[in-house]
Each structure stands twice: as structure tokens, then as C-alpha cells.
Amino acid sequence: MSYGVLCRSAAVLSSCLLVCSVQISAQEVKPGQEVKLGGDASLTIRGILSSTVFVQDARFGLGNGQQAEFVLQELAGWWHGGDVRNMRLTFEFKGPQLTGTWRGNATMEADFFGGFNGAGAFGDEQPLARIRLAYADLTNGRTTFRVGQAWSLTLGNIPVSTSHLGFPLGWGSGGFIGWRFPGLFVMHALSASDATTKAQVQFAVMKGSWVDETAADQPSAGEAGIPQLEARLNIDGKLTSGTWGAYLVGHWDRKDLNNVRADSAAEPPENNLDGYALEAGARMQSGRLTLHGNAYTGKAMGHQFAQIVQFGDIKGWGAWAQAGVDLSKVWSIWLYAGAENPDDDDIVAPNDRLESFLVVPMLRYKTGPYSLGLEWLHNRTDYRIAQGIDDRTGNQISFSARFDF
């Protein structure tokens, strides 16, 4: 790591510690406790401490360990590793009353999937931090205006796992899509707060994104085109011994393939590439049983991890479902299954990914904020090669500990 990067990292860490220490040095901070900052403002610190030990018989994308999703390469034998990158810190600021019933709030969240400090020996044990969320809210309880980097509305139900937190199961490999973008967001409750069944609408205008930018902070066809537009409807209700929910999301964006080329470069055959997606999801928790999942269909959505994270004029669909059963107050079993299926006619280049299937059973022990999980991740990804189709399979067996605070 260069001296400049080291100094910047130290400055960020020092700033975070300073924020945490302002006016709370004499207070005992308990998990989830609101810390008064002055007036009617407060800060709540939340987070996740997570550690995973694993063995694998393949190299995976989007990474290995807690980031493994789909098979890149089968290996001749097994190898082992450990991963703590899921560690997460969330700072939730409840701001002061501004006018009438309106209040200002803010959220900042970071984890350690920002790469590694070097390669080879010592690098694996020094993961770098990255910003996940950073936004400010103006809210009156029923309507919220959000500005900053937040989740796209396509992020819906999240598979339960003790190993895959920062990169949930199925992201790019099993029907789970969505990503974080800077933008403008509006959320409005359609029903009263005490209604038995609640409905909410959400709208978002987010920064465009695509794969052709020459470096970070440079323009891509996504930024040159029309921003990402999304709308979502949420419906939630109660059961006799549980809850249920459903949502529907629509997405559209336009990438301009022409505007970010050099003046001297030839114009592309097509100027615009439209991306779209329609997604639906549902969940149900009743007694000992939990069921949830979602499905989507769309085109040119690689920037939200669709089409097995492939970028182009590619159509496809994906879906996943997960069932969990509580065996006792602390023991439960879970089974996840997901698929990602780009249109074969749109996958033409050698080594492009045609299809992915992901299955993950898990045995979990959970008491309060502490949980242990034993998981077996099995993936099969089909690749197009000159001779036809190459089926690559891989396995990961992991044991994880997680503490939420």
C-alpha cells in the first residue's frame, strides 16, 4: 500500500472513531442503544462480526470464501481458507426535528470487501474497507426523501446465510439482483401505520452504470445515457402466527454507446442499449416455517449482477427460493436453490457463461445475536466453448460464526 493510501485510510478510521466518541465518552454503549448527541439528535451503532473457515474444490467468481458465487475453474483437489470480510459497521444518525413533523436522518455503512492490502503472503489477512451506503433522509414518518448512495429497488428478499452476507447467495449465480447507486429516492406509505395490511410505493432515479469505463470515476455508456429509473410496490401483512409480504419492481435505463467514445473513434453500429427488468418476490413466516424468494426477467442488466454478471445486449431470467424450519428455539435447517439463465442466442463469445445453478443447504445454531452455521455451497455453471458446452462444478463447505450488535 502506498504512503498516500495509508494516510487516507488512517484519516477515515480516525474520523469514524471521532464521530463515535463525540459526547459519549462517559456513556456505556450497549448493542443497538441510542446515544444522545445533543438536543433531540442521536446515533445508533450497529454491525456484524463474521468469520468463516472453508474448503473449496474450485475457483469461484465473484471471489472465494465469503464472496464465492459461481464456478470459474475446477481444481484437481481441495484447498482451505478463512475470511472475515463480512464484518460490517452501520452508523444511523437520527437528526433533529426540522419543521413541523419533518426530521432529518442519515446512514453510513461500510464493510471490508474493498480488496486486499497487497498480494501473496500477508495480503489475505488485511482486507480493506469500502463504503456500502451513505445517504441522508428527510422524513415525516409516512413520506421519505432520500439523497445519496443506497440500494436499488431491485434488492428484495435476502437469502439467510451465516457465510454470505456482503455477497448474498445467488448474486450473479442464482436469481438475486440489485446493487448500490447514488441517486434520488422517494418512499411513501399508502396505508395507515396501524393497518392490518400495509402498502408502500417507492421510486428511484439512480446514476447510470456500465462496464466500458476506462477506470474508476470515468464515464461509461451508463453515465452518458438516461439514468436508471425504478418503481416498486410493497405489500405486507400479518398471519395468525407470523407475517407475509410481497413486492413488484420495474426497472428501465438507457446506455449511450456513442457519447463516451473519443472524437477520432468510429461510431458504434448501435447508439443506444436499453436495459429493463421486471421482478417479483414474496415471503412468509409462520410458526416454525420460513419461505421466501424472488424471480426476475430482463435485458442488459449486468450492472445489477444479472445474466451471470455479463455485459451486453443479453436477455435472461433468474429465480431463487429458500425454505427454513426451526427444529428448536436455537437450531434450524435451511435449503436455498437458485438459477440464472441468460438467453443462449445472446451468448456467443468463447468462455461466456450460459447457465448457473446454485444449491446451498445449511444447519444453523442461533441464540440471541450469536449464530453458528455449517453450509455446503454447490454450483454448476455452463460455459460456451469451441467444442460446445463445458459444465463446470464446484463445492464449498464452510463453518461460520456471526455476532450481530
Protein backbone atom coordinates (compact mmCIF):
# COMPACT_ATOMS: atom_id res chain seq x y z
CA MET A 1 0.00 0.00 0.00
CA SER A 2 1.34 3.44 -0.91
CA TYR A 3 2.05 6.05 1.77
CA GLY A 4 -0.77 8.23 0.43
CA VAL A 5 -3.35 5.42 0.59
CA LEU A 6 -2.17 4.53 4.10
CA CYS A 7 -2.62 8.13 5.24
CA ARG A 8 -6.10 8.35 3.74
CA SER A 9 -7.15 5.07 5.36
CA ALA A 10 -5.86 6.28 8.73
CA ALA A 11 -7.75 9.54 8.31
CA VAL A 12 -11.03 7.71 7.56
CA LEU A 13 -10.61 5.44 10.58
CA SER A 14 -9.73 8.39 12.82
CA SER A 15 -12.81 10.28 11.64
CA CYS A 16 -15.06 7.31 12.41
CA LEU A 17 -13.58 6.98 15.89
CA LEU A 18 -14.01 10.72 16.46
CA VAL A 19 -17.68 10.56 15.49
CA CYS A 20 -18.22 7.64 17.84
CA SER A 21 -16.54 9.42 20.73
CA VAL A 22 -18.32 12.78 20.49
CA GLN A 23 -20.30 13.30 23.71
CA ILE A 24 -20.38 9.56 24.52
CA SER A 25 -17.10 9.07 26.33
CA ALA A 26 -18.87 8.89 29.68
CA GLN A 27 -21.66 6.61 28.43
CA GLU A 28 -21.76 2.84 28.21
CA VAL A 29 -22.68 1.88 24.64
CA LYS A 30 -24.90 -1.20 24.53
CA PRO A 31 -25.92 -3.10 21.36
CA GLY A 32 -28.49 -1.07 19.45
CA GLN A 33 -28.55 1.64 22.11
CA GLU A 34 -29.27 5.21 21.04
CA VAL A 35 -26.51 7.57 22.04
CA LYS A 36 -27.57 11.19 22.55
CA LEU A 37 -25.54 13.68 20.54
CA GLY A 38 -27.19 16.88 21.80
CA GLY A 39 -30.71 18.21 21.51
CA ASP A 40 -33.03 15.56 20.12
CA ALA A 41 -30.37 14.03 17.84
CA SER A 42 -28.96 10.54 18.46
CA LEU A 43 -26.63 7.95 16.97
CA THR A 44 -27.22 4.19 16.84
CA ILE A 45 -24.23 1.96 16.07
CA ARG A 46 -24.95 -1.45 14.59
CA GLY A 47 -22.81 -4.05 12.95
CA ILE A 48 -21.85 -7.62 12.22
CA LEU A 49 -18.75 -9.53 13.29
CA SER A 50 -18.37 -12.52 10.99
CA SER A 51 -15.72 -15.19 10.48
CA THR A 52 -15.74 -18.13 8.07
CA VAL A 53 -13.40 -21.09 7.62
CA PHE A 54 -13.90 -23.06 4.42
CA VAL A 55 -12.64 -25.67 1.98
CA GLN A 56 -13.22 -25.48 -1.80
CA ASP A 57 -12.51 -27.66 -4.82
CA ALA A 58 -12.75 -24.83 -7.36
CA ARG A 59 -12.01 -21.18 -8.01
CA PHE A 60 -15.15 -19.08 -7.82
CA GLY A 61 -16.41 -15.74 -9.09
CA LEU A 62 -17.09 -13.13 -7.78
CA GLY A 63 -14.33 -14.28 -5.43
CA ASN A 64 -13.66 -17.05 -2.95
CA GLY A 65 -14.63 -17.64 0.67
CA GLN A 66 -17.46 -15.32 1.73
CA GLN A 67 -17.65 -13.99 -1.86
CA ALA A 68 -17.99 -17.28 -3.77
CA GLU A 69 -20.96 -17.40 -6.19
CA PHE A 70 -20.29 -19.30 -9.45
CA VAL A 71 -17.53 -21.63 -10.66
CA LEU A 72 -14.70 -20.18 -12.73
CA GLN A 73 -12.34 -23.15 -12.78
CA GLU A 74 -12.42 -26.70 -11.45
CA LEU A 75 -9.32 -27.74 -9.48
CA ALA A 76 -7.59 -31.09 -9.07
CA GLY A 77 -8.01 -31.04 -5.29
CA TRP A 78 -9.33 -29.19 -2.28
CA TRP A 79 -7.87 -26.08 -0.67
CA HIS A 80 -8.73 -24.27 2.57
CA GLY A 81 -9.02 -20.68 3.72
CA GLY A 82 -10.53 -18.21 6.15
CA ASP A 83 -12.47 -14.98 5.60
CA VAL A 84 -13.61 -12.09 7.82
CA ARG A 85 -14.62 -9.56 5.14
CA ASN A 86 -18.30 -9.68 6.12
CA MET A 87 -17.53 -7.52 9.14
CA ARG A 88 -19.86 -4.52 8.90
CA LEU A 89 -20.34 -1.21 10.70
CA THR A 90 -23.51 0.88 10.37
CA PHE A 91 -23.93 4.37 11.78
CA GLU A 92 -27.56 5.54 11.92
CA PHE A 93 -27.99 9.21 12.77
CA LYS A 94 -31.44 10.31 13.93
CA GLY A 95 -31.32 14.01 13.27
CA PRO A 96 -33.16 16.92 14.84
CA GLN A 97 -36.73 17.98 14.21
CA LEU A 98 -36.55 20.44 11.31
CA THR A 99 -40.01 21.85 10.75
CA GLY A 100 -43.43 20.55 11.68
CA THR A 101 -43.31 16.74 11.59
CA TRP A 102 -40.23 16.59 9.35
CA ARG A 103 -36.94 15.23 10.64
CA GLY A 104 -33.50 14.77 9.08
CA ASN A 105 -31.78 11.37 9.34
CA ALA A 106 -28.62 9.89 7.84
CA THR A 107 -26.99 6.47 7.42
CA MET A 108 -23.42 5.40 6.69
CA GLU A 109 -22.36 1.77 6.31
CA ALA A 110 -19.08 0.05 5.48
CA ASP A 111 -17.65 -3.46 5.27
CA PHE A 112 -14.30 -4.97 4.25
CA PHE A 113 -14.80 -6.10 0.66
CA GLY A 114 -12.63 -3.24 -0.67
CA GLY A 115 -9.84 -5.53 -1.89
CA PHE A 116 -6.67 -6.51 -0.06
CA ASN A 117 -3.54 -4.73 1.13
CA GLY A 118 -1.10 -6.37 -1.27
CA ALA A 119 -0.89 -9.85 -2.75
CA GLY A 120 0.83 -13.07 -1.78
CA ALA A 121 1.79 -13.63 1.85
CA PHE A 122 0.09 -11.29 4.36
CA GLY A 123 -2.36 -9.75 1.86
CA ASP A 124 -5.27 -12.11 2.60
CA GLU A 125 -5.22 -11.14 6.27
CA GLN A 126 -5.52 -7.40 5.55
CA PRO A 127 -8.84 -6.73 3.79
CA LEU A 128 -9.61 -3.09 3.05
CA ALA A 129 -12.77 -1.20 3.98
CA ARG A 130 -15.30 0.09 1.43
CA ILE A 131 -18.37 2.30 1.63
CA ARG A 132 -21.66 0.44 1.16
CA LEU A 133 -24.29 3.06 2.00
CA ALA A 134 -24.11 6.82 2.52
CA TYR A 135 -27.35 8.81 2.36
CA ALA A 136 -29.41 11.49 4.08
CA ASP A 137 -33.17 11.32 4.63
CA LEU A 138 -35.88 13.92 5.07
CA THR A 139 -38.89 12.15 6.56
CA ASN A 140 -42.18 12.76 8.34
CA GLY A 141 -42.72 9.08 9.10
CA ARG A 142 -45.02 8.43 6.14
CA THR A 143 -43.02 10.01 3.29
CA THR A 144 -39.24 9.86 2.98
CA PHE A 145 -36.98 11.70 0.53
CA ARG A 146 -33.52 10.12 0.28
CA VAL A 147 -30.38 11.50 -1.38
CA GLY A 148 -27.12 9.56 -1.59
CA GLN A 149 -25.85 6.04 -2.24
CA ALA A 150 -28.49 3.46 -1.38
CA TRP A 151 -29.75 0.10 -2.58
CA SER A 152 -31.52 -0.11 -5.90
CA LEU A 153 -35.19 -1.02 -5.55
CA THR A 154 -34.50 -4.37 -7.20
CA LEU A 155 -32.88 -5.55 -3.97
CA GLY A 156 -35.63 -7.59 -2.37
CA ASN A 157 -35.65 -10.61 -0.08
CA ILE A 158 -32.17 -11.65 1.06
CA PRO A 159 -31.27 -15.35 1.47
CA VAL A 160 -30.43 -16.39 5.03
CA SER A 161 -26.78 -17.39 5.45
CA THR A 162 -24.03 -17.27 8.04
CA SER A 163 -21.27 -17.10 5.40
CA HIS A 164 -22.66 -14.96 2.55
CA LEU A 165 -23.63 -11.58 3.99
CA GLY A 166 -21.84 -8.88 1.99
CA PHE A 167 -22.32 -11.00 -1.14
CA PRO A 168 -25.62 -12.86 -0.59
CA LEU A 169 -26.28 -16.30 -2.03
CA GLY A 170 -27.30 -16.18 -5.69
CA TRP A 171 -25.78 -12.79 -6.52
CA GLY A 172 -24.88 -13.28 -10.17
CA SER A 173 -25.43 -17.03 -9.93
CA GLY A 174 -28.97 -17.69 -8.72
CA GLY A 175 -31.55 -15.00 -9.43
CA PHE A 176 -30.53 -12.46 -6.78
CA ILE A 177 -30.00 -8.99 -8.31
CA GLY A 178 -29.51 -5.38 -7.20
CA TRP A 179 -26.65 -3.01 -6.36
CA ARG A 180 -25.95 0.28 -4.61
CA PHE A 181 -26.03 3.53 -6.59
CA PRO A 182 -26.01 7.26 -5.83
CA GLY A 183 -29.40 8.73 -6.63
CA LEU A 184 -32.69 10.24 -5.54
CA PHE A 185 -35.24 8.04 -3.77
CA VAL A 186 -38.83 8.58 -2.60
CA MET A 187 -40.79 6.24 -0.30
CA HIS A 188 -44.43 6.77 0.65
CA ALA A 189 -46.76 4.67 2.82
CA LEU A 190 -50.18 4.21 1.23
CA SER A 191 -51.82 2.83 4.38
CA ALA A 192 -52.12 3.93 7.98
CA SER A 193 -49.43 2.83 10.41
CA ASP A 194 -51.93 0.65 12.32
CA ALA A 195 -53.43 -1.03 9.24
CA THR A 196 -53.54 -4.84 9.21
CA THR A 197 -52.22 -4.90 5.65
CA LYS A 198 -49.73 -2.20 4.72
CA ALA A 199 -48.79 -0.90 1.27
CA GLN A 200 -45.88 1.30 0.24
CA VAL A 201 -44.62 2.71 -3.06
CA GLN A 202 -41.02 3.61 -3.85
CA PHE A 203 -39.42 5.48 -6.74
CA ALA A 204 -35.75 5.94 -7.63
CA VAL A 205 -33.63 7.83 -10.16
CA MET A 206 -30.08 6.47 -9.95
CA LYS A 207 -26.75 7.05 -11.62
CA GLY A 208 -26.30 5.02 -14.79
CA SER A 209 -23.64 2.31 -14.91
CA TRP A 210 -21.96 0.04 -17.44
CA VAL A 211 -18.75 -1.91 -17.92
CA ASP A 212 -16.92 0.20 -20.53
CA GLU A 213 -15.45 2.92 -18.32
CA THR A 214 -11.66 3.04 -18.69
CA ALA A 215 -11.07 3.48 -14.94
CA ALA A 216 -12.96 4.24 -11.75
CA ASP A 217 -14.53 7.72 -11.74
CA GLN A 218 -14.53 7.81 -15.56
CA PRO A 219 -17.70 7.96 -17.71
CA SER A 220 -19.31 4.85 -19.15
CA ALA A 221 -22.19 4.32 -21.54
CA GLY A 222 -24.41 4.21 -18.46
CA GLU A 223 -23.45 7.71 -17.32
CA ALA A 224 -23.73 9.01 -20.90
CA GLY A 225 -27.25 7.65 -21.27
CA ILE A 226 -30.50 8.05 -19.35
CA PRO A 227 -30.27 7.35 -15.58
CA GLN A 228 -31.70 4.18 -14.09
CA LEU A 229 -35.42 4.54 -13.30
CA GLU A 230 -37.14 2.18 -10.88
CA ALA A 231 -40.53 1.86 -9.20
CA ARG A 232 -41.63 -0.60 -6.54
CA LEU A 233 -44.80 -1.65 -4.70
CA ASN A 234 -44.53 -3.37 -1.30
CA ILE A 235 -47.42 -5.12 0.46
CA ASP A 236 -47.01 -6.58 3.96
CA GLY A 237 -49.40 -8.22 6.38
CA LYS A 238 -49.76 -10.40 9.46
CA LEU A 239 -50.70 -14.04 9.88
CA THR A 240 -52.07 -15.71 12.99
CA SER A 241 -48.56 -16.78 13.99
CA GLY A 242 -46.33 -14.83 11.63
CA THR A 243 -46.04 -12.34 8.78
CA TRP A 244 -46.14 -12.24 4.99
CA GLY A 245 -45.03 -9.83 2.29
CA ALA A 246 -44.79 -9.35 -1.47
CA TYR A 247 -43.26 -6.82 -3.84
CA LEU A 248 -43.15 -5.91 -7.52
CA VAL A 249 -40.32 -3.89 -9.11
CA GLY A 250 -39.85 -2.36 -12.55
CA HIS A 251 -36.55 -1.06 -13.97
CA TRP A 252 -35.52 0.80 -17.15
CA ASP A 253 -32.34 2.54 -18.24
CA ARG A 254 -30.61 3.53 -21.49
CA LYS A 255 -26.89 3.26 -22.16
CA ASP A 256 -25.50 5.65 -24.79
CA LEU A 257 -22.78 3.70 -26.60
CA ASN A 258 -21.74 6.71 -28.67
CA ASN A 259 -21.18 9.67 -26.36
CA VAL A 260 -18.15 8.43 -24.42
CA ARG A 261 -16.07 7.42 -27.45
CA ALA A 262 -13.09 9.53 -28.45
CA ASP A 263 -13.84 12.06 -31.20
CA SER A 264 -11.46 10.23 -33.52
CA ALA A 265 -13.07 6.80 -32.92
CA ALA A 266 -15.61 5.31 -35.30
CA GLU A 267 -19.28 5.39 -34.29
CA PRO A 268 -20.66 2.10 -32.94
CA PRO A 269 -23.23 0.17 -35.02
CA GLU A 270 -25.90 0.94 -32.40
CA ASN A 271 -26.05 4.15 -30.39
CA ASN A 272 -28.33 3.00 -27.56
CA LEU A 273 -28.69 -0.10 -25.41
CA ASP A 274 -31.83 -0.24 -23.27
CA GLY A 275 -31.83 -2.22 -20.04
CA TYR A 276 -35.00 -3.38 -18.33
CA ALA A 277 -36.15 -5.76 -15.62
CA LEU A 278 -39.40 -6.89 -14.01
CA GLU A 279 -39.02 -8.55 -10.63
CA ALA A 280 -41.45 -10.07 -8.13
CA GLY A 281 -40.82 -11.53 -4.70
CA ALA A 282 -42.68 -12.93 -1.71
CA ARG A 283 -42.01 -14.10 1.82
CA MET A 284 -43.93 -15.92 4.53
CA GLN A 285 -43.02 -16.73 8.13
CA SER A 286 -45.49 -18.78 10.12
CA GLY A 287 -44.64 -20.67 13.28
CA ARG A 288 -41.53 -22.74 12.63
CA LEU A 289 -41.56 -22.29 8.84
CA THR A 290 -39.98 -19.55 6.71
CA LEU A 291 -40.37 -19.35 2.92
CA HIS A 292 -39.07 -16.57 0.68
CA GLY A 293 -37.67 -15.89 -2.77
CA ASN A 294 -37.95 -13.82 -5.92
CA ALA A 295 -37.78 -14.04 -9.72
CA TYR A 296 -36.93 -11.58 -12.48
CA THR A 297 -36.75 -11.30 -16.24
CA GLY A 298 -34.82 -8.61 -18.07
CA LYS A 299 -32.20 -7.44 -20.55
CA ALA A 300 -28.79 -5.73 -20.31
CA MET A 301 -28.78 -5.81 -16.50
CA GLY A 302 -25.22 -6.98 -15.86
CA HIS A 303 -24.55 -3.84 -13.83
CA GLN A 304 -27.02 -5.21 -11.27
CA PHE A 305 -25.45 -8.71 -11.27
CA ALA A 306 -28.00 -10.21 -13.68
CA GLN A 307 -27.21 -12.56 -16.59
CA ILE A 308 -24.37 -14.14 -14.51
CA VAL A 309 -22.69 -10.71 -14.37
CA GLN A 310 -22.26 -10.46 -18.15
CA PHE A 311 -22.49 -7.17 -20.00
CA GLY A 312 -24.11 -6.85 -23.41
CA ASP A 313 -27.43 -6.96 -25.24
CA ILE A 314 -28.33 -10.09 -23.28
CA LYS A 315 -31.79 -11.19 -22.23
CA GLY A 316 -32.39 -13.65 -19.44
CA TRP A 317 -34.19 -14.63 -16.28
CA GLY A 318 -33.30 -15.74 -12.77
CA ALA A 319 -35.09 -17.06 -9.70
CA TRP A 320 -34.37 -18.36 -6.23
CA ALA A 321 -36.25 -19.76 -3.25
CA GLN A 322 -35.29 -20.69 0.28
CA ALA A 323 -37.07 -22.66 2.99
CA GLY A 324 -36.17 -22.71 6.68
CA VAL A 325 -37.56 -24.83 9.51
CA ASP A 326 -36.94 -24.18 13.21
CA LEU A 327 -36.12 -27.50 14.86
CA SER A 328 -36.00 -25.89 18.30
CA LYS A 329 -35.51 -22.46 19.82
CA VAL A 330 -31.86 -22.42 18.68
CA TRP A 331 -31.48 -24.99 15.88
CA SER A 332 -32.82 -24.61 12.32
CA ILE A 333 -32.24 -26.08 8.87
CA TRP A 334 -32.31 -24.15 5.59
CA LEU A 335 -32.27 -25.01 1.91
CA TYR A 336 -31.56 -22.48 -0.85
CA ALA A 337 -31.90 -23.15 -4.60
CA GLY A 338 -31.40 -20.62 -7.39
CA ALA A 339 -30.86 -20.42 -11.13
CA GLU A 340 -29.60 -17.82 -13.59
CA ASN A 341 -30.35 -18.37 -17.28
CA PRO A 342 -29.21 -15.87 -19.94
CA ASP A 343 -30.61 -16.37 -23.45
CA ASP A 344 -28.26 -18.77 -25.28
CA ASP A 345 -28.72 -16.84 -28.54
CA ASP A 346 -27.19 -13.76 -26.88
CA ILE A 347 -24.16 -15.65 -25.52
CA VAL A 348 -21.83 -16.05 -28.49
CA ALA A 349 -18.23 -15.49 -27.34
CA PRO A 350 -15.99 -18.36 -26.14
CA ASN A 351 -15.94 -18.81 -22.36
CA ASP A 352 -19.18 -16.86 -21.88
CA ARG A 353 -21.48 -18.24 -19.19
CA LEU A 354 -24.70 -19.89 -20.41
CA GLU A 355 -26.40 -21.04 -17.21
CA SER A 356 -25.84 -21.31 -13.46
CA PHE A 357 -27.47 -23.48 -10.78
CA LEU A 358 -26.76 -22.93 -7.09
CA VAL A 359 -27.86 -25.12 -4.15
CA VAL A 360 -26.96 -24.39 -0.52
CA PRO A 361 -28.21 -26.39 2.50
CA MET A 362 -27.37 -25.01 5.95
CA LEU A 363 -27.59 -26.14 9.57
CA ARG A 364 -27.72 -23.14 11.92
CA TYR A 365 -27.44 -22.62 15.65
CA LYS A 366 -28.68 -19.20 16.80
CA THR A 367 -29.18 -17.76 20.24
CA GLY A 368 -29.73 -14.03 20.58
CA PRO A 369 -27.18 -12.13 18.48
CA TYR A 370 -24.81 -15.11 18.18
CA SER A 371 -25.07 -17.76 15.46
CA LEU A 372 -23.04 -20.63 14.02
CA GLY A 373 -23.65 -22.14 10.61
CA LEU A 374 -22.46 -25.16 8.63
CA GLU A 375 -23.09 -24.70 4.88
CA TRP A 376 -22.43 -26.64 1.69
CA LEU A 377 -22.43 -24.46 -1.43
CA HIS A 378 -22.72 -26.41 -4.70
CA ASN A 379 -22.68 -24.65 -8.08
CA ARG A 380 -22.76 -25.76 -11.70
CA THR A 381 -22.05 -23.20 -14.39
CA ASP A 382 -22.22 -23.96 -18.12
CA TYR A 383 -19.69 -22.24 -20.39
CA ARG A 384 -19.70 -21.88 -24.16
CA ILE A 385 -16.51 -23.25 -25.71
CA ALA A 386 -15.44 -24.01 -29.28
CA GLN A 387 -16.37 -27.68 -28.90
CA GLY A 388 -19.82 -26.95 -27.45
CA ILE A 389 -20.69 -26.60 -23.75
CA ASP A 390 -18.37 -27.07 -20.78
CA ASP A 391 -20.11 -27.92 -17.48
CA ARG A 392 -18.04 -26.78 -14.52
CA THR A 393 -18.99 -27.74 -10.98
CA GLY A 394 -17.61 -26.58 -7.67
CA ASN A 395 -18.18 -27.03 -3.96
CA GLN A 396 -17.52 -25.02 -0.84
CA ILE A 397 -18.01 -26.35 2.69
CA SER A 398 -17.93 -23.60 5.28
CA PHE A 399 -18.30 -23.11 9.02
CA SER A 400 -19.13 -19.58 10.14
CA ALA A 401 -19.62 -17.62 13.33
CA ARG A 402 -21.67 -14.42 13.34
CA PHE A 403 -22.36 -11.85 16.03
CA ASP A 404 -24.83 -9.01 15.43
CA PHE A 405 -24.56 -5.92 17.58
